[in-house]
Amino acid sequence: MKDYLTLWAEGPSGEGSRDLTVPVTVIGEWNRAANSEFAKVQLTVQAAKDFEVVDSVEQQKELKRLGVEWPDPVILGLLDSLMNTDLGPLKNIRVRLERVWYHEVDSTRNAFRNAGRDAGRKILDALDRKV
């Protein structure tokens, strides 16, 4: 059986990794009224020796009470986007979670994961514009 975790962590075979040269700040969001899901997160990524997460969000206790295992869904969604790109994964970064918007009922694990994915796409878009 393939080692899918390693394949995911390394990105597409034969591809090098992407480098981040300047910090990038984005707001990732997910708002689906039909599904009653809402989450929004502001984060900044910058170059680092290894992958690292710094949680500077003030509402950490409130988010943990929501039962979404903060900040795991945001980071996993972010990695979904950053690791699976045609130009190679973006690996060696420090992610600083800075701000979060949420709703007591509508902010689910899925909503935060999709907000993380949106943030990842916006980071990649910002890198593509700077190339």
N, C-alpha and C. Protein backbone atom coordinates (compact mmCIF):
# COMPACT_ATOMS: atom_id res chain seq x y z
N MET A 1 0.84 -1.18 0.00
CA MET A 1 0.00 0.00 0.00
C MET A 1 0.88 1.24 0.00
N LYS A 2 0.46 2.24 -0.72
CA LYS A 2 1.20 3.50 -0.77
C LYS A 2 1.17 4.20 0.58
N ASP A 3 2.20 4.95 0.84
CA ASP A 3 2.24 5.79 2.04
C ASP A 3 1.64 7.14 1.66
N TYR A 4 0.35 7.25 1.78
CA TYR A 4 -0.35 8.43 1.33
C TYR A 4 0.00 9.68 2.13
N LEU A 5 0.30 9.53 3.39
CA LEU A 5 0.70 10.69 4.19
C LEU A 5 2.01 11.28 3.68
N THR A 6 2.95 10.43 3.32
CA THR A 6 4.21 10.92 2.78
C THR A 6 3.99 11.57 1.41
N LEU A 7 3.18 10.94 0.57
CA LEU A 7 2.88 11.52 -0.74
C LEU A 7 2.25 12.89 -0.59
N TRP A 8 1.33 13.03 0.35
CA TRP A 8 0.68 14.32 0.57
C TRP A 8 1.67 15.35 1.07
N ALA A 9 2.53 14.94 2.01
CA ALA A 9 3.49 15.87 2.61
C ALA A 9 4.54 16.33 1.59
N GLU A 10 4.90 15.48 0.65
CA GLU A 10 5.93 15.82 -0.32
C GLU A 10 5.38 16.57 -1.52
N GLY A 11 4.08 16.49 -1.74
CA GLY A 11 3.49 17.14 -2.90
C GLY A 11 3.66 16.27 -4.13
N PRO A 12 3.27 16.78 -5.30
CA PRO A 12 3.37 16.00 -6.54
C PRO A 12 4.80 15.56 -6.81
N SER A 13 4.97 14.33 -7.29
CA SER A 13 6.31 13.80 -7.52
C SER A 13 7.02 14.59 -8.60
N GLY A 14 8.32 14.74 -8.41
CA GLY A 14 9.14 15.44 -9.38
C GLY A 14 9.05 16.95 -9.29
N GLU A 15 8.25 17.45 -8.39
CA GLU A 15 8.10 18.89 -8.25
C GLU A 15 8.96 19.38 -7.10
N GLY A 16 9.58 20.51 -7.26
CA GLY A 16 10.29 21.13 -6.16
C GLY A 16 9.32 21.88 -5.28
N SER A 17 9.78 22.35 -4.17
CA SER A 17 8.89 23.13 -3.32
C SER A 17 8.98 24.60 -3.70
N ARG A 18 7.95 25.34 -3.37
CA ARG A 18 7.92 26.78 -3.63
C ARG A 18 8.53 27.49 -2.44
N ASP A 19 9.08 28.65 -2.68
CA ASP A 19 9.65 29.45 -1.61
C ASP A 19 8.85 30.72 -1.44
N LEU A 20 8.73 31.13 -0.20
CA LEU A 20 8.06 32.38 0.13
C LEU A 20 9.13 33.41 0.40
N THR A 21 9.08 34.53 -0.30
CA THR A 21 10.13 35.54 -0.14
C THR A 21 9.69 36.73 0.70
N VAL A 22 8.39 36.99 0.72
CA VAL A 22 7.85 38.10 1.52
C VAL A 22 6.65 37.59 2.30
N PRO A 23 6.39 38.16 3.46
CA PRO A 23 5.19 37.75 4.21
C PRO A 23 3.92 38.06 3.41
N VAL A 24 2.92 37.21 3.58
CA VAL A 24 1.65 37.39 2.91
C VAL A 24 0.54 37.28 3.96
N THR A 25 -0.34 38.28 3.99
CA THR A 25 -1.49 38.27 4.90
C THR A 25 -2.76 38.13 4.08
N VAL A 26 -3.62 37.21 4.50
CA VAL A 26 -4.88 36.97 3.79
C VAL A 26 -6.00 36.77 4.80
N ILE A 27 -7.22 36.87 4.32
CA ILE A 27 -8.40 36.50 5.09
C ILE A 27 -9.09 35.39 4.33
N GLY A 28 -9.15 34.23 4.95
CA GLY A 28 -9.85 33.10 4.37
C GLY A 28 -11.25 33.05 4.95
N GLU A 29 -12.23 32.80 4.10
CA GLU A 29 -13.59 32.79 4.60
C GLU A 29 -14.44 31.71 3.97
N TRP A 30 -15.45 31.33 4.72
CA TRP A 30 -16.42 30.36 4.26
C TRP A 30 -17.76 30.81 4.80
N ASN A 31 -18.70 31.07 3.89
CA ASN A 31 -20.01 31.54 4.30
C ASN A 31 -21.04 30.92 3.37
N ARG A 32 -21.65 29.87 3.81
CA ARG A 32 -22.66 29.18 3.02
C ARG A 32 -23.99 29.22 3.76
N ALA A 33 -24.83 30.17 3.39
CA ALA A 33 -26.11 30.34 4.07
C ALA A 33 -26.98 29.09 3.93
N ALA A 34 -26.93 28.44 2.78
CA ALA A 34 -27.76 27.25 2.56
C ALA A 34 -27.42 26.14 3.55
N ASN A 35 -26.14 26.04 3.93
CA ASN A 35 -25.71 25.00 4.88
C ASN A 35 -25.57 25.54 6.29
N SER A 36 -25.84 26.81 6.48
CA SER A 36 -25.66 27.47 7.78
C SER A 36 -24.24 27.26 8.31
N GLU A 37 -23.26 27.57 7.48
CA GLU A 37 -21.86 27.45 7.89
C GLU A 37 -21.16 28.80 7.69
N PHE A 38 -20.38 29.19 8.70
CA PHE A 38 -19.66 30.45 8.63
C PHE A 38 -18.35 30.35 9.41
N ALA A 39 -17.28 30.82 8.80
CA ALA A 39 -15.99 30.96 9.48
C ALA A 39 -15.14 31.91 8.66
N LYS A 40 -14.32 32.68 9.36
CA LYS A 40 -13.44 33.63 8.69
C LYS A 40 -12.20 33.76 9.56
N VAL A 41 -11.04 33.73 8.92
CA VAL A 41 -9.79 33.79 9.67
C VAL A 41 -8.77 34.64 8.93
N GLN A 42 -8.06 35.47 9.67
CA GLN A 42 -6.96 36.25 9.11
C GLN A 42 -5.66 35.63 9.57
N LEU A 43 -4.76 35.42 8.62
CA LEU A 43 -3.46 34.85 8.96
C LEU A 43 -2.37 35.44 8.08
N THR A 44 -1.16 35.35 8.59
CA THR A 44 0.01 35.79 7.84
C THR A 44 0.97 34.62 7.76
N VAL A 45 1.52 34.41 6.57
CA VAL A 45 2.57 33.39 6.40
C VAL A 45 3.86 34.10 6.05
N GLN A 46 4.96 33.56 6.56
CA GLN A 46 6.28 34.09 6.23
C GLN A 46 7.26 32.93 6.16
N ALA A 47 8.38 33.14 5.53
CA ALA A 47 9.39 32.09 5.37
C ALA A 47 9.91 31.67 6.74
N ALA A 48 10.22 30.37 6.87
CA ALA A 48 10.77 29.81 8.11
C ALA A 48 11.60 28.59 7.76
N LYS A 49 12.35 28.07 8.73
CA LYS A 49 13.17 26.88 8.49
C LYS A 49 12.30 25.63 8.33
N ASP A 50 11.23 25.55 9.10
CA ASP A 50 10.30 24.42 9.06
C ASP A 50 8.88 24.96 9.13
N PHE A 51 7.93 24.07 8.99
CA PHE A 51 6.54 24.48 9.14
C PHE A 51 6.24 24.71 10.62
N GLU A 52 5.60 25.84 10.90
CA GLU A 52 5.31 26.20 12.29
C GLU A 52 4.02 27.00 12.33
N VAL A 53 3.28 26.87 13.44
CA VAL A 53 2.03 27.60 13.62
C VAL A 53 2.12 28.40 14.91
N VAL A 54 1.77 29.68 14.82
CA VAL A 54 1.70 30.56 15.99
C VAL A 54 0.26 31.04 16.08
N ASP A 55 -0.40 30.71 17.18
CA ASP A 55 -1.80 31.08 17.36
C ASP A 55 -1.88 32.34 18.22
N SER A 56 -2.15 33.48 17.58
CA SER A 56 -2.25 34.76 18.27
C SER A 56 -3.70 35.22 18.41
N VAL A 57 -4.63 34.34 18.12
CA VAL A 57 -6.06 34.68 18.19
C VAL A 57 -6.47 34.84 19.64
N GLU A 58 -7.16 35.93 19.93
CA GLU A 58 -7.56 36.23 21.30
C GLU A 58 -8.69 35.33 21.81
N GLN A 59 -9.56 34.85 20.93
CA GLN A 59 -10.74 34.10 21.35
C GLN A 59 -10.50 32.59 21.44
N GLN A 60 -9.32 32.14 21.76
CA GLN A 60 -9.02 30.71 21.77
C GLN A 60 -9.96 29.91 22.67
N LYS A 61 -10.24 30.41 23.86
CA LYS A 61 -11.12 29.69 24.79
C LYS A 61 -12.53 29.56 24.22
N GLU A 62 -13.04 30.64 23.65
CA GLU A 62 -14.38 30.61 23.07
C GLU A 62 -14.45 29.62 21.91
N LEU A 63 -13.40 29.60 21.09
CA LEU A 63 -13.37 28.69 19.95
C LEU A 63 -13.31 27.24 20.40
N LYS A 64 -12.58 26.95 21.44
CA LYS A 64 -12.51 25.58 21.94
C LYS A 64 -13.86 25.13 22.47
N ARG A 65 -14.63 26.07 23.05
CA ARG A 65 -15.97 25.72 23.52
C ARG A 65 -16.92 25.38 22.38
N LEU A 66 -16.63 25.85 21.18
CA LEU A 66 -17.46 25.51 20.02
C LEU A 66 -17.30 24.04 19.64
N GLY A 67 -16.23 23.41 20.11
CA GLY A 67 -16.00 22.01 19.79
C GLY A 67 -15.39 21.77 18.42
N VAL A 68 -14.67 22.76 17.88
CA VAL A 68 -14.07 22.61 16.55
C VAL A 68 -12.58 22.25 16.61
N GLU A 69 -12.06 21.99 17.81
CA GLU A 69 -10.65 21.62 17.98
C GLU A 69 -9.72 22.69 17.40
N TRP A 70 -9.99 23.92 17.74
CA TRP A 70 -9.20 25.05 17.26
C TRP A 70 -7.74 24.84 17.53
N PRO A 71 -6.83 25.15 16.61
CA PRO A 71 -6.97 25.67 15.25
C PRO A 71 -6.83 24.60 14.18
N ASP A 72 -6.93 23.33 14.57
CA ASP A 72 -6.66 22.22 13.65
C ASP A 72 -7.39 22.32 12.30
N PRO A 73 -8.70 22.55 12.27
CA PRO A 73 -9.35 22.58 10.95
C PRO A 73 -8.82 23.66 10.02
N VAL A 74 -8.48 24.83 10.55
CA VAL A 74 -7.95 25.91 9.72
C VAL A 74 -6.60 25.47 9.12
N ILE A 75 -5.74 24.92 9.95
CA ILE A 75 -4.41 24.51 9.48
C ILE A 75 -4.51 23.36 8.48
N LEU A 76 -5.37 22.39 8.73
CA LEU A 76 -5.52 21.28 7.79
C LEU A 76 -6.08 21.76 6.45
N GLY A 77 -7.03 22.68 6.48
CA GLY A 77 -7.54 23.25 5.23
C GLY A 77 -6.48 24.04 4.49
N LEU A 78 -5.70 24.82 5.24
CA LEU A 78 -4.61 25.59 4.65
C LEU A 78 -3.61 24.66 3.97
N LEU A 79 -3.25 23.59 4.65
CA LEU A 79 -2.30 22.63 4.07
C LEU A 79 -2.87 21.93 2.84
N ASP A 80 -4.17 21.67 2.83
CA ASP A 80 -4.79 21.09 1.62
C ASP A 80 -4.45 21.93 0.40
N SER A 81 -4.54 23.24 0.55
CA SER A 81 -4.27 24.13 -0.59
C SER A 81 -2.78 24.29 -0.86
N LEU A 82 -1.99 24.48 0.17
CA LEU A 82 -0.56 24.80 -0.02
C LEU A 82 0.28 23.60 -0.46
N MET A 83 -0.16 22.41 -0.14
CA MET A 83 0.65 21.23 -0.45
C MET A 83 0.33 20.63 -1.81
N ASN A 84 -0.81 20.97 -2.37
CA ASN A 84 -1.24 20.34 -3.62
C ASN A 84 -1.35 21.37 -4.73
N THR A 85 -0.20 21.88 -5.15
CA THR A 85 -0.18 22.87 -6.22
C THR A 85 0.64 22.36 -7.38
N ASP A 86 0.35 22.85 -8.55
CA ASP A 86 1.09 22.43 -9.75
C ASP A 86 2.56 22.84 -9.69
N LEU A 87 2.85 23.95 -9.03
CA LEU A 87 4.23 24.45 -8.98
C LEU A 87 5.02 23.91 -7.79
N GLY A 88 4.46 23.00 -7.05
CA GLY A 88 5.13 22.41 -5.91
C GLY A 88 4.61 22.98 -4.60
N PRO A 89 4.74 22.21 -3.53
CA PRO A 89 4.17 22.63 -2.24
C PRO A 89 4.91 23.82 -1.63
N LEU A 90 4.20 24.53 -0.80
CA LEU A 90 4.76 25.62 -0.01
C LEU A 90 4.89 25.07 1.41
N LYS A 91 6.12 24.72 1.82
CA LYS A 91 6.32 23.96 3.05
C LYS A 91 6.92 24.76 4.20
N ASN A 92 8.03 25.39 3.97
CA ASN A 92 8.79 26.01 5.06
C ASN A 92 8.27 27.40 5.37
N ILE A 93 7.18 27.41 6.15
CA ILE A 93 6.53 28.67 6.48
C ILE A 93 6.12 28.70 7.95
N ARG A 94 6.02 29.89 8.46
CA ARG A 94 5.43 30.13 9.78
C ARG A 94 4.05 30.73 9.51
N VAL A 95 3.03 30.11 10.08
CA VAL A 95 1.67 30.59 9.94
C VAL A 95 1.28 31.26 11.25
N ARG A 96 0.95 32.53 11.17
CA ARG A 96 0.49 33.25 12.36
C ARG A 96 -1.01 33.50 12.22
N LEU A 97 -1.79 32.82 13.06
CA LEU A 97 -3.23 33.04 13.11
C LEU A 97 -3.46 34.31 13.91
N GLU A 98 -4.09 35.31 13.27
CA GLU A 98 -4.17 36.63 13.88
C GLU A 98 -5.56 37.03 14.35
N ARG A 99 -6.55 36.66 13.59
CA ARG A 99 -7.91 37.11 13.90
C ARG A 99 -8.90 36.08 13.40
N VAL A 100 -10.01 35.97 14.10
CA VAL A 100 -11.04 35.03 13.68
C VAL A 100 -12.42 35.65 13.90
N TRP A 101 -13.31 35.35 12.97
CA TRP A 101 -14.72 35.72 13.09
C TRP A 101 -15.49 34.41 13.08
N TYR A 102 -16.47 34.29 13.97
CA TYR A 102 -17.21 33.04 14.05
C TYR A 102 -18.63 33.31 14.55
N HIS A 103 -19.46 32.28 14.44
CA HIS A 103 -20.83 32.33 14.92
C HIS A 103 -21.02 31.14 15.86
N GLU A 104 -21.69 31.38 16.97
CA GLU A 104 -21.87 30.35 18.00
C GLU A 104 -22.48 29.05 17.46
N VAL A 105 -23.35 29.15 16.48
CA VAL A 105 -24.03 27.96 15.95
C VAL A 105 -23.45 27.53 14.60
N ASP A 106 -23.20 28.48 13.72
CA ASP A 106 -22.85 28.17 12.34
C ASP A 106 -21.37 27.93 12.07
N SER A 107 -20.52 28.14 13.06
CA SER A 107 -19.08 27.93 12.86
C SER A 107 -18.72 26.50 13.23
N THR A 108 -18.63 25.68 12.21
CA THR A 108 -18.37 24.26 12.38
C THR A 108 -16.92 23.93 12.00
N ARG A 109 -16.52 22.72 12.32
CA ARG A 109 -15.19 22.24 11.91
C ARG A 109 -15.04 22.37 10.39
N ASN A 110 -16.07 21.98 9.65
CA ASN A 110 -16.04 22.06 8.19
C ASN A 110 -15.91 23.51 7.71
N ALA A 111 -16.61 24.43 8.35
CA ALA A 111 -16.52 25.84 7.96
C ALA A 111 -15.11 26.37 8.16
N PHE A 112 -14.48 26.03 9.29
CA PHE A 112 -13.11 26.49 9.54
C PHE A 112 -12.12 25.83 8.57
N ARG A 113 -12.33 24.57 8.23
CA ARG A 113 -11.44 23.92 7.27
C ARG A 113 -11.54 24.59 5.90
N ASN A 114 -12.76 24.91 5.49
CA ASN A 114 -12.93 25.58 4.21
C ASN A 114 -12.39 27.01 4.23
N ALA A 115 -12.47 27.68 5.36
CA ALA A 115 -11.86 29.01 5.48
C ALA A 115 -10.33 28.88 5.34
N GLY A 116 -9.75 27.82 5.91
CA GLY A 116 -8.32 27.56 5.76
C GLY A 116 -7.94 27.29 4.31
N ARG A 117 -8.77 26.52 3.62
CA ARG A 117 -8.52 26.26 2.18
C ARG A 117 -8.56 27.56 1.39
N ASP A 118 -9.54 28.40 1.69
CA ASP A 118 -9.66 29.68 0.99
C ASP A 118 -8.42 30.54 1.25
N ALA A 119 -7.95 30.55 2.48
CA ALA A 119 -6.73 31.31 2.81
C ALA A 119 -5.55 30.76 2.00
N GLY A 120 -5.43 29.45 1.89
CA GLY A 120 -4.35 28.85 1.11
C GLY A 120 -4.40 29.25 -0.35
N ARG A 121 -5.59 29.24 -0.93
CA ARG A 121 -5.73 29.66 -2.34
C ARG A 121 -5.33 31.12 -2.51
N LYS A 122 -5.70 31.95 -1.55
CA LYS A 122 -5.36 33.37 -1.65
C LYS A 122 -3.85 33.60 -1.49
N ILE A 123 -3.21 32.81 -0.66
CA ILE A 123 -1.75 32.89 -0.53
C ILE A 123 -1.08 32.52 -1.85
N LEU A 124 -1.52 31.43 -2.45
CA LEU A 124 -0.95 30.99 -3.73
C LEU A 124 -1.21 32.02 -4.83
N ASP A 125 -2.40 32.62 -4.82
CA ASP A 125 -2.70 33.67 -5.80
C ASP A 125 -1.74 34.85 -5.62
N ALA A 126 -1.49 35.22 -4.36
CA ALA A 126 -0.56 36.34 -4.09
C ALA A 126 0.85 36.00 -4.57
N LEU A 127 1.27 34.76 -4.37
CA LEU A 127 2.60 34.35 -4.85
C LEU A 127 2.66 34.35 -6.36
N ASP A 128 1.62 33.89 -7.02
CA ASP A 128 1.58 33.88 -8.49
C ASP A 128 1.66 35.28 -9.07
N ARG A 129 1.05 36.25 -8.39
CA ARG A 129 1.08 37.64 -8.88
C ARG A 129 2.48 38.25 -8.72
N LYS A 130 3.27 37.73 -7.77
CA LYS A 130 4.60 38.29 -7.52
C LYS A 130 5.67 37.64 -8.38
N VAL A 131 5.33 36.56 -9.05
CA VAL A 131 6.32 35.84 -9.88
C VAL A 131 6.62 36.60 -11.13
